[in-house]
Amino acid sequence: MAGSMRWRREDLAAIGVHLFYLPPRSPELNHIECVWRSVKYEDMPVRAYTSTPELHTAVDHALTRRAAAVATTTPQSLKTA
C-alpha cells in the first residue's frame, strides 16, 4: 500500500470506506476485458486495417453491434448464460 494511504486506512475504515486491491494483472476481474475479447474475436472478423480511420470505423461498428446485442438481451437469458 502506498505510504500516503497507509496511515489513513483506519480513518477511511471508520467512515465505511474499505480499499480493495487487485493484483497487478487480473483481466478476469475486469469485466471490460470480456467485452473487448468478444468484440475483437466475434465482431471484428478482419484482423488487419490499412489506416487508423479504417480501424476506428471497424471498432465503432463492432461496439455498436455489441451494444445492440446487449440491449436485446433479457434478464432471464443472462441468468442462464
C-alpha atoms as a PDB file:
ATOM      1  CA  MET A   1       0.000   0.000   0.000  1.00  0.00           C
ATOM      2  CA  ALA A   2       1.289   3.452  -0.824  1.00  0.00           C
ATOM      3  CA  GLY A   3       2.797   5.230   2.163  1.00  0.00           C
ATOM      4  CA  SER A   4       0.479   8.196   1.811  1.00  0.00           C
ATOM      5  CA  MET A   5      -2.593   5.934   2.209  1.00  0.00           C
ATOM      6  CA  ARG A   6      -1.282   3.551   4.862  1.00  0.00           C
ATOM      7  CA  TRP A   7      -1.811   5.941   7.759  1.00  0.00           C
ATOM      8  CA  ARG A   8      -5.296   6.909   6.521  1.00  0.00           C
ATOM      9  CA  ARG A   9      -6.591   3.351   6.236  1.00  0.00           C
ATOM     10  CA  GLU A  10      -8.083   3.324   9.750  1.00  0.00           C
ATOM     11  CA  ASP A  11      -9.653   6.762   9.209  1.00  0.00           C
ATOM     12  CA  LEU A  12     -11.218   5.590   5.969  1.00  0.00           C
ATOM     13  CA  ALA A  13     -12.480   2.365   7.544  1.00  0.00           C
ATOM     14  CA  ALA A  14     -14.118   4.396  10.320  1.00  0.00           C
ATOM     15  CA  ILE A  15     -16.304   6.167   7.757  1.00  0.00           C
ATOM     16  CA  GLY A  16     -17.094   2.972   5.864  1.00  0.00           C
ATOM     17  CA  VAL A  17     -14.513   3.143   3.077  1.00  0.00           C
ATOM     18  CA  HIS A  18     -12.708  -0.135   2.521  1.00  0.00           C
ATOM     19  CA  LEU A  19      -9.970  -0.391  -0.062  1.00  0.00           C
ATOM     20  CA  PHE A  20      -9.986  -3.424  -2.320  1.00  0.00           C
ATOM     21  CA  TYR A  21      -6.713  -4.132  -4.063  1.00  0.00           C
ATOM     22  CA  LEU A  22      -6.484  -6.079  -7.296  1.00  0.00           C
ATOM     23  CA  PRO A  23      -3.410  -7.954  -8.442  1.00  0.00           C
ATOM     24  CA  PRO A  24      -1.326  -6.012 -10.984  1.00  0.00           C
ATOM     25  CA  ARG A  25      -2.554  -8.204 -13.852  1.00  0.00           C
ATOM     26  CA  SER A  26      -6.054  -9.568 -13.369  1.00  0.00           C
ATOM     27  CA  PRO A  27      -8.114  -9.349 -16.583  1.00  0.00           C
ATOM     28  CA  GLU A  28     -10.592 -11.937 -15.282  1.00  0.00           C
ATOM     29  CA  LEU A  29     -11.610  -9.451 -12.578  1.00  0.00           C
ATOM     30  CA  ASN A  30     -12.126  -6.624 -15.063  1.00  0.00           C
ATOM     31  CA  HIS A  31     -15.436  -7.091 -16.901  1.00  0.00           C
ATOM     32  CA  ILE A  32     -14.465  -4.847 -19.820  1.00  0.00           C
ATOM     33  CA  GLU A  33     -11.781  -7.392 -20.751  1.00  0.00           C
ATOM     34  CA  CYS A  34     -14.522  -9.932 -21.548  1.00  0.00           C
ATOM     35  CA  VAL A  35     -16.306  -7.377 -23.705  1.00  0.00           C
ATOM     36  CA  TRP A  36     -13.139  -6.452 -25.600  1.00  0.00           C
ATOM     37  CA  ARG A  37     -12.308 -10.128 -26.180  1.00  0.00           C
ATOM     38  CA  SER A  38     -15.782 -10.720 -27.657  1.00  0.00           C
ATOM     39  CA  VAL A  39     -15.592  -7.596 -29.806  1.00  0.00           C
ATOM     40  CA  LYS A  40     -12.128  -8.491 -31.040  1.00  0.00           C
ATOM     41  CA  TYR A  41     -12.806 -12.108 -31.973  1.00  0.00           C
ATOM     42  CA  GLU A  42     -16.529 -12.130 -32.787  1.00  0.00           C
ATOM     43  CA  ASP A  43     -17.472  -8.661 -34.018  1.00  0.00           C
ATOM     44  CA  MET A  44     -14.309  -7.723 -35.935  1.00  0.00           C
ATOM     45  CA  PRO A  45     -13.616 -10.548 -38.383  1.00  0.00           C
ATOM     46  CA  VAL A  46     -10.999  -8.563 -40.316  1.00  0.00           C
ATOM     47  CA  ARG A  47      -7.659  -8.816 -38.494  1.00  0.00           C
ATOM     48  CA  ALA A  48      -5.712  -6.046 -40.270  1.00  0.00           C
ATOM     49  CA  TYR A  49      -6.559  -2.496 -41.314  1.00  0.00           C
ATOM     50  CA  THR A  50      -4.663  -0.238 -43.695  1.00  0.00           C
ATOM     51  CA  SER A  51      -5.324   3.026 -41.860  1.00  0.00           C
ATOM     52  CA  THR A  52      -6.197   4.345 -38.432  1.00  0.00           C
ATOM     53  CA  PRO A  53      -9.552   5.760 -39.599  1.00  0.00           C
ATOM     54  CA  GLU A  54     -10.447   2.351 -41.045  1.00  0.00           C
ATOM     55  CA  LEU A  55      -9.632   0.720 -37.697  1.00  0.00           C
ATOM     56  CA  HIS A  56     -11.673   3.354 -35.818  1.00  0.00           C
ATOM     57  CA  THR A  57     -14.658   2.720 -38.085  1.00  0.00           C
ATOM     58  CA  ALA A  58     -14.385  -1.043 -37.587  1.00  0.00           C
ATOM     59  CA  VAL A  59     -14.213  -0.650 -33.802  1.00  0.00           C
ATOM     60  CA  ASP A  60     -17.183   1.740 -33.811  1.00  0.00           C
ATOM     61  CA  HIS A  61     -19.270  -0.696 -35.854  1.00  0.00           C
ATOM     62  CA  ALA A  62     -18.246  -3.651 -33.683  1.00  0.00           C
ATOM     63  CA  LEU A  63     -19.125  -1.815 -30.476  1.00  0.00           C
ATOM     64  CA  THR A  64     -22.442  -0.685 -31.960  1.00  0.00           C
ATOM     65  CA  ARG A  65     -23.271  -4.306 -32.830  1.00  0.00           C
ATOM     66  CA  ARG A  66     -22.238  -5.451 -29.349  1.00  0.00           C
ATOM     67  CA  ALA A  67     -24.355  -2.735 -27.709  1.00  0.00           C
ATOM     68  CA  ALA A  68     -27.370  -3.734 -29.811  1.00  0.00           C
ATOM     69  CA  ALA A  69     -26.888  -7.369 -28.819  1.00  0.00           C
ATOM     70  CA  VAL A  70     -26.694  -6.458 -25.135  1.00  0.00           C
ATOM     71  CA  ALA A  71     -29.752  -4.199 -25.419  1.00  0.00           C
ATOM     72  CA  THR A  72     -31.847  -7.059 -26.785  1.00  0.00           C
ATOM     73  CA  THR A  73     -30.696  -9.488 -24.084  1.00  0.00           C
ATOM     74  CA  THR A  74     -33.356 -10.156 -21.478  1.00  0.00           C
ATOM     75  CA  PRO A  75     -32.526 -10.515 -17.783  1.00  0.00           C
ATOM     76  CA  GLN A  76     -33.723 -14.152 -17.902  1.00  0.00           C
ATOM     77  CA  SER A  77     -31.279 -15.035 -20.689  1.00  0.00           C
ATOM     78  CA  LEU A  78     -28.436 -13.514 -18.675  1.00  0.00           C
ATOM     79  CA  LYS A  79     -29.203 -15.874 -15.789  1.00  0.00           C
ATOM     80  CA  THR A  80     -28.976 -18.954 -17.992  1.00  0.00           C
ATOM     81  CA  ALA A  81     -25.837 -17.873 -19.849  1.00  0.00           C
END
